[in-house]
Amino acid sequence: MEPLFLSYFLNEDTPTYGGAVGTILFEKDRAISKGDTSNNLKFTLPAHVGTHIDFPLHFSNNGKKCSDYPASFWIFKKIGFLNSSVDDIESKIETLPEDIELLILKTGFGNKRGTNEYWASQPVISSTFAGLFRLKFPKLRVFGFDLISLTSKLDRAEGKKAHIEFLINNDILILEDMDLRFLEATPSLVVIAPLQIQIADGVPCNVLSF
């Protein structure tokens, strides 16, 4: 399989949860065109933006943070890939092997990225999926998908419950806002590379598939 980025490049047009504007800023701190000796980009952005990982600390003061995971945690050789609507998840996971470490869900909703619909009306992911996944896939470490968040604006209470069920009660990390447009088959290897911010409850990350 041709290597692919499963993560988006960050820019000032990156969609944010709730459609907030002005939270992502890029500016040239130094520029050769202005007589400086080098170019130097300065940027400001929230932790939970673009393709990013949620850690348990996001929903628990006692939860694990970015620096609590060793490098080996982020290499995945057993992957489950579902090209499915949210409504069909429960039936389609029956086709996947039980030893997967990473579950990728391609809903197709990522095609709406760049429109208000992407953050305003994404499908609701049920909190019950966390326990279902843990029972079916005992080695599962990360659940990733092409939606802006595990929490849909259509049901924020269920979204909060889902985060707690995944991150705290079932120890499954969440990988949000993946770029799955060009992924058509199950990768043999995926590497997730979180930005190494020691105390982070969530960070943008690069995701590569092979």
Protein backbone atom coordinates (compact mmCIF):
# COMPACT_ATOMS: atom_id res chain seq x y z
CA MET A 1 0.00 0.00 0.00
CA GLU A 2 1.21 3.49 -0.86
CA PRO A 3 2.06 5.44 2.33
CA LEU A 4 -0.64 7.94 3.23
CA PHE A 5 -1.09 10.78 5.65
CA LEU A 6 -4.21 10.04 7.71
CA SER A 7 -3.90 13.47 9.32
CA TYR A 8 -4.62 16.95 7.98
CA PHE A 9 -2.14 19.79 7.68
CA LEU A 10 -3.00 22.55 10.14
CA ASN A 11 -3.82 26.00 8.81
CA GLU A 12 -6.01 28.95 9.77
CA ASP A 13 -8.97 27.35 7.96
CA THR A 14 -8.82 24.17 10.06
CA PRO A 15 -12.37 23.53 11.36
CA THR A 16 -12.88 23.85 15.10
CA TYR A 17 -15.48 22.30 17.36
CA GLY A 18 -18.43 24.65 17.54
CA GLY A 19 -17.12 26.70 14.62
CA ALA A 20 -15.00 29.00 16.80
CA VAL A 21 -12.97 31.48 14.76
CA GLY A 22 -9.69 33.19 15.50
CA THR A 23 -8.33 30.40 17.69
CA ILE A 24 -5.69 29.25 15.17
CA LEU A 25 -3.15 31.88 14.23
CA PHE A 26 -0.02 31.70 12.09
CA GLU A 27 2.31 34.67 11.78
CA LYS A 28 5.85 35.27 10.62
CA ASP A 29 7.89 36.24 13.65
CA ARG A 30 10.86 36.79 11.36
CA ALA A 31 11.02 36.99 7.56
CA ILE A 32 13.89 37.16 5.09
CA SER A 33 11.68 39.35 2.89
CA LYS A 34 11.68 41.94 5.68
CA GLY A 35 15.45 41.92 6.10
CA ASP A 36 15.74 39.26 8.80
CA THR A 37 18.43 36.58 8.49
CA SER A 38 15.89 33.73 8.58
CA ASN A 39 12.22 32.85 8.39
CA ASN A 40 10.54 31.96 11.69
CA LEU A 41 6.89 31.02 11.98
CA LYS A 42 4.97 31.56 15.20
CA PHE A 43 1.63 29.88 15.76
CA THR A 44 -1.13 29.72 18.35
CA LEU A 45 -3.66 26.90 18.46
CA PRO A 46 -5.81 24.89 20.89
CA ALA A 47 -4.69 21.40 21.88
CA HIS A 48 -7.85 19.83 20.49
CA VAL A 49 -7.78 20.93 16.87
CA GLY A 50 -7.14 19.26 13.55
CA THR A 51 -6.21 15.59 13.65
CA HIS A 52 -5.59 15.12 17.34
CA ILE A 53 -5.57 12.57 20.13
CA ASP A 54 -7.57 12.78 23.37
CA PHE A 55 -5.92 11.51 26.56
CA PRO A 56 -7.75 10.45 29.76
CA LEU A 57 -6.64 13.71 31.42
CA HIS A 58 -9.11 15.46 29.10
CA PHE A 59 -11.97 14.17 31.26
CA SER A 60 -10.31 13.24 34.55
CA ASN A 61 -7.84 15.11 36.76
CA ASN A 62 -6.29 11.74 37.57
CA GLY A 63 -6.16 10.57 33.95
CA LYS A 64 -3.02 9.79 31.97
CA LYS A 65 -1.41 12.58 29.94
CA CYS A 66 0.71 12.69 26.80
CA SER A 67 4.02 11.83 28.48
CA ASP A 68 2.55 8.71 30.15
CA TYR A 69 2.68 6.74 26.88
CA PRO A 70 5.93 5.15 25.61
CA ALA A 71 7.00 5.38 21.97
CA SER A 72 6.05 1.73 21.39
CA PHE A 73 2.41 2.54 22.19
CA TRP A 74 2.06 4.53 18.95
CA ILE A 75 3.00 1.77 16.50
CA PHE A 76 0.06 -0.32 15.30
CA LYS A 77 0.39 -3.54 13.32
CA LYS A 78 -3.06 -4.96 14.00
CA ILE A 79 -5.64 -2.63 12.50
CA GLY A 80 -9.37 -2.80 11.97
CA PHE A 81 -10.83 -0.65 9.20
CA LEU A 82 -14.55 -0.02 8.81
CA ASN A 83 -16.03 1.87 5.86
CA SER A 84 -19.41 2.32 7.47
CA SER A 85 -22.04 4.70 8.75
CA VAL A 86 -22.23 5.13 12.51
CA ASP A 87 -25.56 3.29 12.50
CA ASP A 88 -23.98 0.11 11.11
CA ILE A 89 -20.97 -0.10 13.42
CA GLU A 90 -22.36 -2.73 15.74
CA SER A 91 -23.04 -5.24 12.98
CA LYS A 92 -19.90 -4.55 10.96
CA ILE A 93 -17.39 -4.96 13.78
CA GLU A 94 -18.31 -8.64 13.76
CA THR A 95 -16.23 -8.98 10.59
CA LEU A 96 -13.04 -7.73 12.26
CA PRO A 97 -10.40 -9.86 14.02
CA GLU A 98 -10.43 -9.70 17.80
CA ASP A 99 -6.73 -8.85 18.18
CA ILE A 100 -6.83 -5.36 16.61
CA GLU A 101 -5.02 -2.54 18.40
CA LEU A 102 -6.37 0.36 16.34
CA LEU A 103 -9.90 0.74 14.99
CA ILE A 104 -10.41 3.22 12.12
CA LEU A 105 -13.94 4.25 11.17
CA LYS A 106 -14.48 5.91 7.79
CA THR A 107 -18.00 7.31 7.83
CA GLY A 108 -17.61 9.51 4.76
CA PHE A 109 -18.64 12.53 6.81
CA GLY A 110 -15.13 13.86 6.37
CA ASN A 111 -16.20 14.89 2.87
CA LYS A 112 -18.16 17.69 4.56
CA ARG A 113 -15.02 19.13 6.15
CA GLY A 114 -14.86 22.80 5.29
CA THR A 115 -18.62 23.25 5.68
CA ASN A 116 -20.54 24.23 8.81
CA GLU A 117 -22.31 20.88 8.68
CA TYR A 118 -19.04 19.15 9.59
CA TRP A 119 -19.01 20.58 13.10
CA ALA A 120 -22.71 21.39 13.53
CA SER A 121 -24.45 18.14 12.66
CA GLN A 122 -22.08 15.20 12.67
CA PRO A 123 -23.53 11.78 13.59
CA VAL A 124 -23.85 10.89 17.27
CA ILE A 125 -21.49 8.16 18.47
CA SER A 126 -23.09 6.18 21.27
CA SER A 127 -21.25 5.85 24.57
CA THR A 128 -22.19 2.14 24.55
CA PHE A 129 -19.67 1.52 21.78
CA ALA A 130 -16.81 1.85 24.26
CA GLY A 131 -17.81 -1.19 26.29
CA LEU A 132 -18.76 -3.06 23.13
CA PHE A 133 -15.34 -2.42 21.60
CA ARG A 134 -13.51 -3.38 24.78
CA LEU A 135 -15.42 -6.67 24.98
CA LYS A 136 -14.87 -7.49 21.31
CA PHE A 137 -11.30 -6.17 21.02
CA PRO A 138 -9.38 -6.67 24.31
CA LYS A 139 -6.13 -5.24 22.85
CA LEU A 140 -7.70 -2.10 21.38
CA ARG A 141 -5.73 1.06 22.26
CA VAL A 142 -7.09 3.76 19.92
CA PHE A 143 -10.36 4.48 18.10
CA GLY A 144 -10.04 6.96 15.21
CA PHE A 145 -12.56 8.43 12.77
CA ASP A 146 -13.31 11.12 10.18
CA LEU A 147 -15.52 13.25 12.45
CA ILE A 148 -14.47 16.45 14.19
CA SER A 149 -15.14 15.03 17.64
CA LEU A 150 -16.49 12.10 19.60
CA THR A 151 -19.07 14.62 20.83
CA SER A 152 -21.71 15.63 18.30
CA LYS A 153 -23.30 19.05 18.74
CA LEU A 154 -26.61 17.21 18.29
CA ASP A 155 -26.19 15.48 21.68
CA ARG A 156 -23.47 16.97 23.85
CA ALA A 157 -24.54 15.02 26.96
CA GLU A 158 -24.05 11.73 25.15
CA GLY A 159 -20.73 13.00 23.82
CA LYS A 160 -19.42 13.74 27.30
CA LYS A 161 -20.57 10.31 28.44
CA ALA A 162 -18.87 8.72 25.43
CA HIS A 163 -15.57 10.44 26.22
CA ILE A 164 -15.68 9.16 29.79
CA GLU A 165 -16.60 5.65 28.69
CA PHE A 166 -13.82 5.46 26.13
CA LEU A 167 -11.03 7.35 27.88
CA ILE A 168 -11.65 6.55 31.55
CA ASN A 169 -13.76 3.43 31.91
CA ASN A 170 -12.37 1.43 28.98
CA ASP A 171 -8.89 2.94 28.44
CA ILE A 172 -9.35 3.54 24.70
CA LEU A 173 -7.83 6.74 23.34
CA ILE A 174 -9.73 8.85 20.81
CA LEU A 175 -8.25 10.03 17.50
CA GLU A 176 -10.48 12.75 16.06
CA ASP A 177 -10.70 14.52 12.68
CA MET A 178 -8.72 11.95 10.67
CA ASP A 179 -8.15 12.40 6.95
CA LEU A 180 -9.56 9.15 5.53
CA ARG A 181 -10.48 10.40 2.06
CA PHE A 182 -7.92 8.23 0.31
CA LEU A 183 -7.92 5.22 2.59
CA GLU A 184 -9.68 2.33 0.84
CA ALA A 185 -8.24 -0.77 2.49
CA THR A 186 -6.87 -1.91 5.82
CA PRO A 187 -3.28 -0.67 6.36
CA SER A 188 -0.61 -3.14 7.43
CA LEU A 189 1.00 -0.51 9.68
CA VAL A 190 -0.07 2.80 11.20
CA VAL A 191 2.15 5.17 13.15
CA ILE A 192 0.64 7.95 15.27
CA ALA A 193 3.08 10.70 16.25
CA PRO A 194 1.61 13.05 18.89
CA LEU A 195 3.17 16.44 19.47
CA GLN A 196 5.28 15.83 22.58
CA ILE A 197 3.82 18.23 25.10
CA GLN A 198 4.43 16.67 28.49
CA ILE A 199 1.32 17.71 30.42
CA ALA A 200 -1.13 17.67 27.49
CA ASP A 201 -4.67 16.31 27.82
CA GLY A 202 -4.78 16.23 24.01
CA VAL A 203 -2.45 17.13 21.14
CA PRO A 204 -2.38 17.43 17.36
CA CYS A 205 -0.58 14.52 15.75
CA ASN A 206 0.74 13.18 12.48
CA VAL A 207 -0.72 9.86 11.40
CA LEU A 208 0.86 7.75 8.66
CA SER A 209 -0.35 4.50 7.18
CA PHE A 210 1.65 1.93 5.22
